[in-house]
């Protein structure tokens, strides 16, 4: 996963990268509170992208905290300079990972 920080001229001034990550239970708990898992019937990219965008819009504090947990050193000021589409891409990866983890934890059963 990659998160770019931009300046006013839309130039990348910093990039946070994370090749792998492990979600802690508290982070998963935060996601579950703001994700309607029933809407993820197929888990297709469109549904996941819609949920990720809704996360950004409806749960800014939760999203900011999750992003700062994943990208060590990320600040609130840097988050103000992230393009929303970049953030949504990261959230899609997180949501997919969370769904996969929950499915694996249930042995694939709902």
PDB file of N, CA and C in Angstrom:
ATOM      1  N   UNK A   1       0.841  -1.168   0.000  1.00  0.00           N
ATOM      2  CA  UNK A   1       0.000   0.000   0.000  1.00  0.00           C
ATOM      3  C   UNK A   1       0.889   1.235   0.000  1.00  0.00           C
ATOM      4  N   UNK A   2       0.360   2.265  -0.633  1.00  0.00           N
ATOM      5  CA  UNK A   2       1.123   3.491  -0.775  1.00  0.00           C
ATOM      6  C   UNK A   2       0.189   4.684  -0.558  1.00  0.00           C
ATOM      7  N   UNK A   3       0.679   5.668   0.159  1.00  0.00           N
ATOM      8  CA  UNK A   3      -0.089   6.885   0.399  1.00  0.00           C
ATOM      9  C   UNK A   3       0.808   8.074   0.097  1.00  0.00           C
ATOM     10  N   UNK A   4       0.414   8.866  -0.910  1.00  0.00           N
ATOM     11  CA  UNK A   4       1.189  10.032  -1.319  1.00  0.00           C
ATOM     12  C   UNK A   4       0.698  11.279  -0.603  1.00  0.00           C
ATOM     13  N   UNK A   5       1.643  12.128  -0.248  1.00  0.00           N
ATOM     14  CA  UNK A   5       1.350  13.446   0.321  1.00  0.00           C
ATOM     15  C   UNK A   5       1.720  14.468  -0.752  1.00  0.00           C
ATOM     16  N   UNK A   6       0.814  15.390  -1.027  1.00  0.00           N
ATOM     17  CA  UNK A   6       0.986  16.354  -2.107  1.00  0.00           C
ATOM     18  C   UNK A   6       1.161  17.769  -1.570  1.00  0.00           C
ATOM     19  N   UNK A   7       1.783  18.630  -2.392  1.00  0.00           N
ATOM     20  CA  UNK A   7       1.832  20.053  -2.070  1.00  0.00           C
ATOM     21  C   UNK A   7       0.721  20.762  -2.837  1.00  0.00           C
ATOM     22  N   UNK A   8       0.694  22.075  -2.740  1.00  0.00           N
ATOM     23  CA  UNK A   8      -0.365  22.858  -3.399  1.00  0.00           C
ATOM     24  C   UNK A   8      -0.322  22.761  -4.921  1.00  0.00           C
ATOM     25  N   UNK A   9       0.807  22.368  -5.483  1.00  0.00           N
ATOM     26  CA  UNK A   9       0.947  22.243  -6.934  1.00  0.00           C
ATOM     27  C   UNK A   9       0.659  20.817  -7.400  1.00  0.00           C
ATOM     28  N   UNK A  10       0.118  19.996  -6.500  1.00  0.00           N
ATOM     29  CA  UNK A  10      -0.194  18.595  -6.795  1.00  0.00           C
ATOM     30  C   UNK A  10       1.040  17.762  -7.107  1.00  0.00           C
ATOM     31  N   UNK A  11       2.170  18.162  -6.547  1.00  0.00           N
ATOM     32  CA  UNK A  11       3.400  17.397  -6.671  1.00  0.00           C
ATOM     33  C   UNK A  11       3.548  16.527  -5.425  1.00  0.00           C
ATOM     34  N   UNK A  12       4.003  15.312  -5.618  1.00  0.00           N
ATOM     35  CA  UNK A  12       4.210  14.419  -4.480  1.00  0.00           C
ATOM     36  C   UNK A  12       5.437  14.892  -3.714  1.00  0.00           C
ATOM     37  N   UNK A  13       5.248  15.159  -2.421  1.00  0.00           N
ATOM     38  CA  UNK A  13       6.362  15.618  -1.591  1.00  0.00           C
ATOM     39  C   UNK A  13       6.825  14.529  -0.619  1.00  0.00           C
ATOM     40  N   UNK A  14       5.982  13.531  -0.416  1.00  0.00           N
ATOM     41  CA  UNK A  14       6.337  12.442   0.491  1.00  0.00           C
ATOM     42  C   UNK A  14       5.447  11.247   0.174  1.00  0.00           C
ATOM     43  N   UNK A  15       5.984  10.064   0.368  1.00  0.00           N
ATOM     44  CA  UNK A  15       5.204   8.853   0.148  1.00  0.00           C
ATOM     45  C   UNK A  15       5.406   7.909   1.311  1.00  0.00           C
ATOM     46  N   UNK A  16       4.313   7.438   1.864  1.00  0.00           N
ATOM     47  CA  UNK A  16       4.345   6.389   2.876  1.00  0.00           C
ATOM     48  C   UNK A  16       4.040   5.081   2.168  1.00  0.00           C
ATOM     49  N   UNK A  17       4.832   4.058   2.466  1.00  0.00           N
ATOM     50  CA  UNK A  17       4.585   2.756   1.853  1.00  0.00           C
ATOM     51  C   UNK A  17       4.548   1.682   2.932  1.00  0.00           C
ATOM     52  N   UNK A  18       3.665   0.727   2.711  1.00  0.00           N
ATOM     53  CA  UNK A  18       3.531  -0.400   3.622  1.00  0.00           C
ATOM     54  C   UNK A  18       3.300  -1.629   2.765  1.00  0.00           C
ATOM     55  N   UNK A  19       4.231  -2.565   2.797  1.00  0.00           N
ATOM     56  CA  UNK A  19       4.075  -3.756   1.956  1.00  0.00           C
ATOM     57  C   UNK A  19       3.111  -4.752   2.587  1.00  0.00           C
ATOM     58  N   UNK A  20       3.169  -4.885   3.876  1.00  0.00           N
ATOM     59  CA  UNK A  20       2.228  -5.758   4.578  1.00  0.00           C
ATOM     60  C   UNK A  20       1.820  -5.070   5.870  1.00  0.00           C
ATOM     61  N   UNK A  21       0.707  -5.478   6.378  1.00  0.00           N
ATOM     62  CA  UNK A  21       0.284  -4.941   7.660  1.00  0.00           C
ATOM     63  C   UNK A  21      -0.595  -5.961   8.351  1.00  0.00           C
ATOM     64  N   UNK A  22      -0.604  -5.867   9.647  1.00  0.00           N
ATOM     65  CA  UNK A  22      -1.472  -6.728  10.441  1.00  0.00           C
ATOM     66  C   UNK A  22      -2.424  -5.822  11.188  1.00  0.00           C
ATOM     67  N   UNK A  23      -3.685  -6.098  11.029  1.00  0.00           N
ATOM     68  CA  UNK A  23      -4.680  -5.310  11.731  1.00  0.00           C
ATOM     69  C   UNK A  23      -4.841  -5.833  13.147  1.00  0.00           C
ATOM     70  N   UNK A  24      -4.840  -4.922  14.066  1.00  0.00           N
ATOM     71  CA  UNK A  24      -5.113  -5.289  15.444  1.00  0.00           C
ATOM     72  C   UNK A  24      -6.621  -5.335  15.631  1.00  0.00           C
ATOM     73  N   UNK A  25      -7.048  -6.049  16.641  1.00  0.00           N
ATOM     74  CA  UNK A  25      -8.476  -6.210  16.872  1.00  0.00           C
ATOM     75  C   UNK A  25      -9.176  -4.863  17.016  1.00  0.00           C
ATOM     76  N   UNK A  26      -8.551  -3.924  17.684  1.00  0.00           N
ATOM     77  CA  UNK A  26      -9.164  -2.607  17.864  1.00  0.00           C
ATOM     78  C   UNK A  26      -9.434  -1.905  16.546  1.00  0.00           C
ATOM     79  N   UNK A  27      -8.518  -2.055  15.589  1.00  0.00           N
ATOM     80  CA  UNK A  27      -8.706  -1.458  14.268  1.00  0.00           C
ATOM     81  C   UNK A  27      -9.850  -2.137  13.536  1.00  0.00           C
ATOM     82  N   UNK A  28      -9.898  -3.468  13.614  1.00  0.00           N
ATOM     83  CA  UNK A  28     -11.001  -4.207  12.994  1.00  0.00           C
ATOM     84  C   UNK A  28     -12.314  -3.796  13.635  1.00  0.00           C
ATOM     85  N   UNK A  29     -12.307  -3.651  14.954  1.00  0.00           N
ATOM     86  CA  UNK A  29     -13.509  -3.225  15.675  1.00  0.00           C
ATOM     87  C   UNK A  29     -13.969  -1.853  15.183  1.00  0.00           C
ATOM     88  N   UNK A  30     -13.019  -0.936  14.998  1.00  0.00           N
ATOM     89  CA  UNK A  30     -13.351   0.393  14.475  1.00  0.00           C
ATOM     90  C   UNK A  30     -13.978   0.300  13.090  1.00  0.00           C
ATOM     91  N   UNK A  31     -13.412  -0.554  12.239  1.00  0.00           N
ATOM     92  CA  UNK A  31     -13.952  -0.724  10.889  1.00  0.00           C
ATOM     93  C   UNK A  31     -15.347  -1.322  10.911  1.00  0.00           C
ATOM     94  N   UNK A  32     -15.544  -2.334  11.734  1.00  0.00           N
ATOM     95  CA  UNK A  32     -16.851  -2.995  11.802  1.00  0.00           C
ATOM     96  C   UNK A  32     -17.934  -2.020  12.230  1.00  0.00           C
ATOM     97  N   UNK A  33     -17.578  -1.073  13.095  1.00  0.00           N
ATOM     98  CA  UNK A  33     -18.551  -0.086  13.561  1.00  0.00           C
ATOM     99  C   UNK A  33     -19.042   0.817  12.439  1.00  0.00           C
ATOM    100  N   UNK A  34     -18.206   1.035  11.425  1.00  0.00           N
ATOM    101  CA  UNK A  34     -18.570   1.982  10.368  1.00  0.00           C
ATOM    102  C   UNK A  34     -18.847   1.321   9.024  1.00  0.00           C
ATOM    103  N   UNK A  35     -18.606   0.015   8.913  1.00  0.00           N
ATOM    104  CA  UNK A  35     -18.876  -0.702   7.665  1.00  0.00           C
ATOM    105  C   UNK A  35     -20.136  -1.528   7.837  1.00  0.00           C
ATOM    106  N   UNK A  36     -21.013  -1.441   6.867  1.00  0.00           N
ATOM    107  CA  UNK A  36     -22.199  -2.298   6.855  1.00  0.00           C
ATOM    108  C   UNK A  36     -21.822  -3.584   6.135  1.00  0.00           C
ATOM    109  N   UNK A  37     -21.435  -4.599   6.910  1.00  0.00           N
ATOM    110  CA  UNK A  37     -20.969  -5.851   6.322  1.00  0.00           C
ATOM    111  C   UNK A  37     -22.045  -6.537   5.486  1.00  0.00           C
ATOM    112  N   UNK A  38     -23.316  -6.287   5.791  1.00  0.00           N
ATOM    113  CA  UNK A  38     -24.394  -6.893   5.009  1.00  0.00           C
ATOM    114  C   UNK A  38     -24.397  -6.403   3.567  1.00  0.00           C
ATOM    115  N   UNK A  39     -23.854  -5.199   3.339  1.00  0.00           N
ATOM    116  CA  UNK A  39     -23.814  -4.655   1.982  1.00  0.00           C
ATOM    117  C   UNK A  39     -22.708  -5.297   1.153  1.00  0.00           C
ATOM    118  N   UNK A  40     -21.827  -6.018   1.800  1.00  0.00           N
ATOM    119  CA  UNK A  40     -20.711  -6.644   1.091  1.00  0.00           C
ATOM    120  C   UNK A  40     -21.020  -8.085   0.749  1.00  0.00           C
ATOM    121  N   UNK A  41     -22.115  -8.295   0.066  1.00  0.00           N
ATOM    122  CA  UNK A  41     -22.542  -9.667  -0.247  1.00  0.00           C
ATOM    123  C   UNK A  41     -21.581 -10.358  -1.193  1.00  0.00           C
ATOM    124  N   UNK A  42     -21.114  -9.643  -2.207  1.00  0.00           N
ATOM    125  CA  UNK A  42     -20.211 -10.280  -3.162  1.00  0.00           C
ATOM    126  C   UNK A  42     -18.759  -9.903  -2.909  1.00  0.00           C
ATOM    127  N   UNK A  43     -18.549  -8.768  -2.240  1.00  0.00           N
ATOM    128  CA  UNK A  43     -17.180  -8.320  -2.015  1.00  0.00           C
ATOM    129  C   UNK A  43     -16.508  -7.839  -3.289  1.00  0.00           C
ATOM    130  N   UNK A  44     -17.328  -7.505  -4.314  1.00  0.00           N
ATOM    131  CA  UNK A  44     -16.711  -7.044  -5.561  1.00  0.00           C
ATOM    132  C   UNK A  44     -16.120  -5.644  -5.382  1.00  0.00           C
ATOM    133  N   UNK A  45     -15.256  -5.259  -6.312  1.00  0.00           N
ATOM    134  CA  UNK A  45     -14.516  -4.013  -6.182  1.00  0.00           C
ATOM    135  C   UNK A  45     -15.420  -2.791  -6.092  1.00  0.00           C
ATOM    136  N   UNK A  46     -16.534  -2.792  -6.828  1.00  0.00           N
ATOM    137  CA  UNK A  46     -17.434  -1.641  -6.792  1.00  0.00           C
ATOM    138  C   UNK A  46     -18.032  -1.463  -5.403  1.00  0.00           C
ATOM    139  N   UNK A  47     -18.508  -2.562  -4.803  1.00  0.00           N
ATOM    140  CA  UNK A  47     -19.083  -2.476  -3.455  1.00  0.00           C
ATOM    141  C   UNK A  47     -18.043  -2.033  -2.438  1.00  0.00           C
ATOM    142  N   UNK A  48     -16.848  -2.598  -2.543  1.00  0.00           N
ATOM    143  CA  UNK A  48     -15.785  -2.246  -1.600  1.00  0.00           C
ATOM    144  C   UNK A  48     -15.391  -0.780  -1.780  1.00  0.00           C
ATOM    145  N   UNK A  49     -15.284  -0.311  -3.015  1.00  0.00           N
ATOM    146  CA  UNK A  49     -14.937   1.090  -3.275  1.00  0.00           C
ATOM    147  C   UNK A  49     -16.013   2.029  -2.737  1.00  0.00           C
ATOM    148  N   UNK A  50     -17.265   1.658  -2.902  1.00  0.00           N
ATOM    149  CA  UNK A  50     -18.365   2.473  -2.385  1.00  0.00           C
ATOM    150  C   UNK A  50     -18.304   2.564  -0.866  1.00  0.00           C
ATOM    151  N   UNK A  51     -18.046   1.446  -0.227  1.00  0.00           N
ATOM    152  CA  UNK A  51     -17.953   1.443   1.233  1.00  0.00           C
ATOM    153  C   UNK A  51     -16.741   2.244   1.692  1.00  0.00           C
ATOM    154  N   UNK A  52     -15.624   2.115   0.987  1.00  0.00           N
ATOM    155  CA  UNK A  52     -14.428   2.872   1.349  1.00  0.00           C
ATOM    156  C   UNK A  52     -14.681   4.373   1.224  1.00  0.00           C
ATOM    157  N   UNK A  53     -15.349   4.796   0.153  1.00  0.00           N
ATOM    158  CA  UNK A  53     -15.665   6.211  -0.016  1.00  0.00           C
ATOM    159  C   UNK A  53     -16.616   6.678   1.078  1.00  0.00           C
ATOM    160  N   UNK A  54     -17.607   5.866   1.417  1.00  0.00           N
ATOM    161  CA  UNK A  54     -18.530   6.212   2.497  1.00  0.00           C
ATOM    162  C   UNK A  54     -17.796   6.329   3.831  1.00  0.00           C
ATOM    163  N   UNK A  55     -16.778   5.506   4.039  1.00  0.00           N
ATOM    164  CA  UNK A  55     -15.970   5.596   5.251  1.00  0.00           C
ATOM    165  C   UNK A  55     -15.333   6.975   5.365  1.00  0.00           C
ATOM    166  N   UNK A  56     -14.746   7.429   4.263  1.00  0.00           N
ATOM    167  CA  UNK A  56     -14.083   8.733   4.265  1.00  0.00           C
ATOM    168  C   UNK A  56     -15.083   9.829   4.593  1.00  0.00           C
ATOM    169  N   UNK A  57     -16.251   9.763   3.977  1.00  0.00           N
ATOM    170  CA  UNK A  57     -17.251  10.813   4.142  1.00  0.00           C
ATOM    171  C   UNK A  57     -17.898  10.795   5.523  1.00  0.00           C
ATOM    172  N   UNK A  58     -18.242   9.614   6.016  1.00  0.00           N
ATOM    173  CA  UNK A  58     -19.042   9.540   7.240  1.00  0.00           C
ATOM    174  C   UNK A  58     -18.251   9.328   8.520  1.00  0.00           C
ATOM    175  N   UNK A  59     -17.006   8.926   8.418  1.00  0.00           N
ATOM    176  CA  UNK A  59     -16.260   8.559   9.620  1.00  0.00           C
ATOM    177  C   UNK A  59     -14.835   9.091   9.564  1.00  0.00           C
ATOM    178  N   UNK A  60     -14.718  10.378   9.408  1.00  0.00           N
ATOM    179  CA  UNK A  60     -13.399  10.979   9.232  1.00  0.00           C
ATOM    180  C   UNK A  60     -12.430  10.672  10.366  1.00  0.00           C
ATOM    181  N   UNK A  61     -12.877  10.797  11.601  1.00  0.00           N
ATOM    182  CA  UNK A  61     -11.982  10.545  12.726  1.00  0.00           C
ATOM    183  C   UNK A  61     -11.495   9.106  12.745  1.00  0.00           C
ATOM    184  N   UNK A  62     -12.396   8.171  12.482  1.00  0.00           N
ATOM    185  CA  UNK A  62     -12.012   6.760  12.442  1.00  0.00           C
ATOM    186  C   UNK A  62     -11.024   6.511  11.319  1.00  0.00           C
ATOM    187  N   UNK A  63     -11.290   7.062  10.148  1.00  0.00           N
ATOM    188  CA  UNK A  63     -10.399   6.885   8.999  1.00  0.00           C
ATOM    189  C   UNK A  63      -9.026   7.468   9.302  1.00  0.00           C
ATOM    190  N   UNK A  64      -8.997   8.667   9.864  1.00  0.00           N
ATOM    191  CA  UNK A  64      -7.713   9.293  10.192  1.00  0.00           C
ATOM    192  C   UNK A  64      -6.924   8.431  11.166  1.00  0.00           C
ATOM    193  N   UNK A  65      -7.582   7.918  12.178  1.00  0.00           N
ATOM    194  CA  UNK A  65      -6.894   7.080  13.160  1.00  0.00           C
ATOM    195  C   UNK A  65      -6.371   5.795  12.527  1.00  0.00           C
ATOM    196  N   UNK A  66      -7.165   5.182  11.679  1.00  0.00           N
ATOM    197  CA  UNK A  66      -6.736   3.951  11.005  1.00  0.00           C
ATOM    198  C   UNK A  66      -5.532   4.235  10.107  1.00  0.00           C
ATOM    199  N   UNK A  67      -5.589   5.319   9.340  1.00  0.00           N
ATOM    200  CA  UNK A  67      -4.483   5.659   8.449  1.00  0.00           C
ATOM    201  C   UNK A  67      -3.202   5.898   9.244  1.00  0.00           C
ATOM    202  N   UNK A  68      -3.319   6.569  10.389  1.00  0.00           N
ATOM    203  CA  UNK A  68      -2.140   6.850  11.204  1.00  0.00           C
ATOM    204  C   UNK A  68      -1.605   5.583  11.870  1.00  0.00           C
ATOM    205  N   UNK A  69      -2.465   4.613  12.128  1.00  0.00           N
ATOM    206  CA  UNK A  69      -1.993   3.341  12.677  1.00  0.00           C
ATOM    207  C   UNK A  69      -1.234   2.541  11.624  1.00  0.00           C
ATOM    208  N   UNK A  70      -1.681   2.619  10.398  1.00  0.00           N
ATOM    209  CA  UNK A  70      -1.058   1.847   9.322  1.00  0.00           C
ATOM    210  C   UNK A  70       0.233   2.497   8.844  1.00  0.00           C
ATOM    211  N   UNK A  71       0.225   3.806   8.658  1.00  0.00           N
ATOM    212  CA  UNK A  71       1.389   4.528   8.153  1.00  0.00           C
ATOM    213  C   UNK A  71       2.049   5.272   9.313  1.00  0.00           C
ATOM    214  N   UNK A  72       3.015   4.604   9.917  1.00  0.00           N
ATOM    215  CA  UNK A  72       3.704   5.129  11.087  1.00  0.00           C
ATOM    216  C   UNK A  72       4.330   6.488  10.785  1.00  0.00           C
ATOM    217  N   UNK A  73       4.024   7.470  11.625  1.00  0.00           N
ATOM    218  CA  UNK A  73       4.577   8.805  11.464  1.00  0.00           C
ATOM    219  C   UNK A  73       3.681   9.766  10.705  1.00  0.00           C
ATOM    220  N   UNK A  74       2.621   9.258  10.100  1.00  0.00           N
ATOM    221  CA  UNK A  74       1.684  10.108   9.359  1.00  0.00           C
ATOM    222  C   UNK A  74       1.020  11.098  10.308  1.00  0.00           C
ATOM    223  N   UNK A  75       0.982  12.362   9.901  1.00  0.00           N
ATOM    224  CA  UNK A  75       0.413  13.405  10.757  1.00  0.00           C
ATOM    225  C   UNK A  75      -0.940  13.887  10.212  1.00  0.00           C
ATOM    226  N   UNK A  76      -1.677  14.583  11.073  1.00  0.00           N
ATOM    227  CA  UNK A  76      -2.946  15.176  10.646  1.00  0.00           C
ATOM    228  C   UNK A  76      -2.728  16.167   9.509  1.00  0.00           C
ATOM    229  N   UNK A  77      -1.659  16.944   9.583  1.00  0.00           N
ATOM    230  CA  UNK A  77      -1.373  17.923   8.530  1.00  0.00           C
ATOM    231  C   UNK A  77      -1.093  17.223   7.209  1.00  0.00           C
ATOM    232  N   UNK A  78      -0.362  16.118   7.242  1.00  0.00           N
ATOM    233  CA  UNK A  78      -0.104  15.376   6.015  1.00  0.00           C
ATOM    234  C   UNK A  78      -1.399  14.794   5.456  1.00  0.00           C
ATOM    235  N   UNK A  79      -2.265  14.318   6.333  1.00  0.00           N
ATOM    236  CA  UNK A  79      -3.550  13.781   5.875  1.00  0.00           C
ATOM    237  C   UNK A  79      -4.362  14.828   5.128  1.00  0.00           C
ATOM    238  N   UNK A  80      -4.210  16.085   5.505  1.00  0.00           N
ATOM    239  CA  UNK A  80      -4.918  17.158   4.814  1.00  0.00           C
ATOM    240  C   UNK A  80      -4.431  17.315   3.375  1.00  0.00           C
ATOM    241  N   UNK A  81      -3.268  16.759   3.083  1.00  0.00           N
ATOM    242  CA  UNK A  81      -2.665  16.887   1.756  1.00  0.00           C
ATOM    243  C   UNK A  81      -2.627  15.560   1.006  1.00  0.00           C
ATOM    244  N   UNK A  82      -3.536  14.676   1.346  1.00  0.00           N
ATOM    245  CA  UNK A  82      -3.689  13.395   0.650  1.00  0.00           C
ATOM    246  C   UNK A  82      -4.872  13.525  -0.299  1.00  0.00           C
ATOM    247  N   UNK A  83      -4.711  13.051  -1.534  1.00  0.00           N
ATOM    248  CA  UNK A  83      -5.847  13.036  -2.456  1.00  0.00           C
ATOM    249  C   UNK A  83      -6.833  11.963  -1.996  1.00  0.00           C
ATOM    250  N   UNK A  84      -8.102  12.270  -2.066  1.00  0.00           N
ATOM    251  CA  UNK A  84      -9.130  11.346  -1.599  1.00  0.00           C
ATOM    252  C   UNK A  84      -9.069  10.024  -2.355  1.00  0.00           C
ATOM    253  N   UNK A  85      -8.792  10.068  -3.657  1.00  0.00           N
ATOM    254  CA  UNK A  85      -8.740   8.811  -4.404  1.00  0.00           C
ATOM    255  C   UNK A  85      -7.604   7.912  -3.918  1.00  0.00           C
ATOM    256  N   UNK A  86      -6.473   8.507  -3.505  1.00  0.00           N
ATOM    257  CA  UNK A  86      -5.384   7.709  -2.932  1.00  0.00           C
ATOM    258  C   UNK A  86      -5.821   7.073  -1.607  1.00  0.00           C
ATOM    259  N   UNK A  87      -6.522   7.853  -0.804  1.00  0.00           N
ATOM    260  CA  UNK A  87      -6.988   7.340   0.481  1.00  0.00           C
ATOM    261  C   UNK A  87      -8.000   6.219   0.275  1.00  0.00           C
ATOM    262  N   UNK A  88      -8.887   6.390  -0.686  1.00  0.00           N
ATOM    263  CA  UNK A  88      -9.890   5.363  -0.962  1.00  0.00           C
ATOM    264  C   UNK A  88      -9.211   4.064  -1.395  1.00  0.00           C
ATOM    265  N   UNK A  89      -8.156   4.156  -2.208  1.00  0.00           N
ATOM    266  CA  UNK A  89      -7.431   2.953  -2.631  1.00  0.00           C
ATOM    267  C   UNK A  89      -6.865   2.206  -1.426  1.00  0.00           C
ATOM    268  N   UNK A  90      -6.297   2.949  -0.489  1.00  0.00           N
ATOM    269  CA  UNK A  90      -5.764   2.321   0.726  1.00  0.00           C
ATOM    270  C   UNK A  90      -6.906   1.698   1.527  1.00  0.00           C
ATOM    271  N   UNK A  91      -8.009   2.413   1.658  1.00  0.00           N
ATOM    272  CA  UNK A  91      -9.144   1.890   2.416  1.00  0.00           C
ATOM    273  C   UNK A  91      -9.731   0.648   1.758  1.00  0.00           C
ATOM    274  N   UNK A  92      -9.733   0.609   0.431  1.00  0.00           N
ATOM    275  CA  UNK A  92     -10.207  -0.593  -0.272  1.00  0.00           C
ATOM    276  C   UNK A  92      -9.352  -1.784   0.132  1.00  0.00           C
ATOM    277  N   UNK A  93      -8.038  -1.592   0.138  1.00  0.00           N
ATOM    278  CA  UNK A  93      -7.143  -2.679   0.557  1.00  0.00           C
ATOM    279  C   UNK A  93      -7.422  -3.096   2.002  1.00  0.00           C
ATOM    280  N   UNK A  94      -7.652  -2.120   2.858  1.00  0.00           N
ATOM    281  CA  UNK A  94      -7.918  -2.421   4.268  1.00  0.00           C
ATOM    282  C   UNK A  94      -9.238  -3.170   4.415  1.00  0.00           C
ATOM    283  N   UNK A  95     -10.280  -2.698   3.723  1.00  0.00           N
ATOM    284  CA  UNK A  95     -11.587  -3.354   3.807  1.00  0.00           C
ATOM    285  C   UNK A  95     -11.491  -4.783   3.274  1.00  0.00           C
ATOM    286  N   UNK A  96     -10.807  -4.959   2.147  1.00  0.00           N
ATOM    287  CA  UNK A  96     -10.647  -6.310   1.595  1.00  0.00           C
ATOM    288  C   UNK A  96      -9.897  -7.209   2.575  1.00  0.00           C
ATOM    289  N   UNK A  97      -8.855  -6.665   3.163  1.00  0.00           N
ATOM    290  CA  UNK A  97      -8.077  -7.438   4.133  1.00  0.00           C
ATOM    291  C   UNK A  97      -8.930  -7.806   5.343  1.00  0.00           C
ATOM    292  N   UNK A  98      -9.739  -6.857   5.802  1.00  0.00           N
ATOM    293  CA  UNK A  98     -10.607  -7.110   6.949  1.00  0.00           C
ATOM    294  C   UNK A  98     -11.627  -8.186   6.622  1.00  0.00           C
ATOM    295  N   UNK A  99     -12.246  -8.085   5.451  1.00  0.00           N
ATOM    296  CA  UNK A  99     -13.231  -9.091   5.032  1.00  0.00           C
ATOM    297  C   UNK A  99     -12.568 -10.456   4.947  1.00  0.00           C
ATOM    298  N   UNK A 100     -11.391 -10.494   4.351  1.00  0.00           N
ATOM    299  CA  UNK A 100     -10.656 -11.744   4.224  1.00  0.00           C
ATOM    300  C   UNK A 100     -10.323 -12.323   5.598  1.00  0.00           C
ATOM    301  N   UNK A 101      -9.899 -11.473   6.504  1.00  0.00           N
ATOM    302  CA  UNK A 101      -9.564 -11.923   7.858  1.00  0.00           C
ATOM    303  C   UNK A 101     -10.791 -12.451   8.582  1.00  0.00           C
ATOM    304  N   UNK A 102     -11.905 -11.739   8.430  1.00  0.00           N
ATOM    305  CA  UNK A 102     -13.129 -12.183   9.107  1.00  0.00           C
ATOM    306  C   UNK A 102     -13.625 -13.481   8.510  1.00  0.00           C
ATOM    307  N   UNK A 103     -13.533 -13.609   7.185  1.00  0.00           N
ATOM    308  CA  UNK A 103     -13.958 -14.841   6.535  1.00  0.00           C
ATOM    309  C   UNK A 103     -13.067 -16.004   6.934  1.00  0.00           C
ATOM    310  N   UNK A 104     -11.772 -15.760   7.012  1.00  0.00           N
ATOM    311  CA  UNK A 104     -10.832 -16.797   7.393  1.00  0.00           C
ATOM    312  C   UNK A 104     -11.091 -17.220   8.839  1.00  0.00           C
ATOM    313  N   UNK A 105     -11.378 -16.234   9.697  1.00  0.00           N
ATOM    314  CA  UNK A 105     -11.648 -16.532  11.096  1.00  0.00           C
ATOM    315  C   UNK A 105     -12.917 -17.354  11.280  1.00  0.00           C
ATOM    316  N   UNK A 106     -13.829 -17.269  10.316  1.00  0.00           N
ATOM    317  CA  UNK A 106     -15.076 -18.035  10.380  1.00  0.00           C
ATOM    318  C   UNK A 106     -15.001 -19.269   9.503  1.00  0.00           C
ATOM    319  N   UNK A 107     -13.803 -19.624   9.049  1.00  0.00           N
ATOM    320  CA  UNK A 107     -13.628 -20.752   8.136  1.00  0.00           C
ATOM    321  C   UNK A 107     -14.485 -20.605   6.886  1.00  0.00           C
ATOM    322  N   UNK A 108     -14.652 -19.349   6.422  1.00  0.00           N
ATOM    323  CA  UNK A 108     -15.425 -19.107   5.212  1.00  0.00           C
ATOM    324  C   UNK A 108     -16.915 -19.120   5.413  1.00  0.00           C
ATOM    325  N   UNK A 109     -17.379 -19.262   6.653  1.00  0.00           N
ATOM    326  CA  UNK A 109     -18.825 -19.283   6.922  1.00  0.00           C
ATOM    327  C   UNK A 109     -19.281 -17.933   7.416  1.00  0.00           C
ATOM    328  N   UNK A 110     -20.509 -17.559   7.085  1.00  0.00           N
ATOM    329  CA  UNK A 110     -21.084 -16.302   7.569  1.00  0.00           C
ATOM    330  C   UNK A 110     -21.776 -16.514   8.883  1.00  0.00           C
TER     331      UNK A 110
END
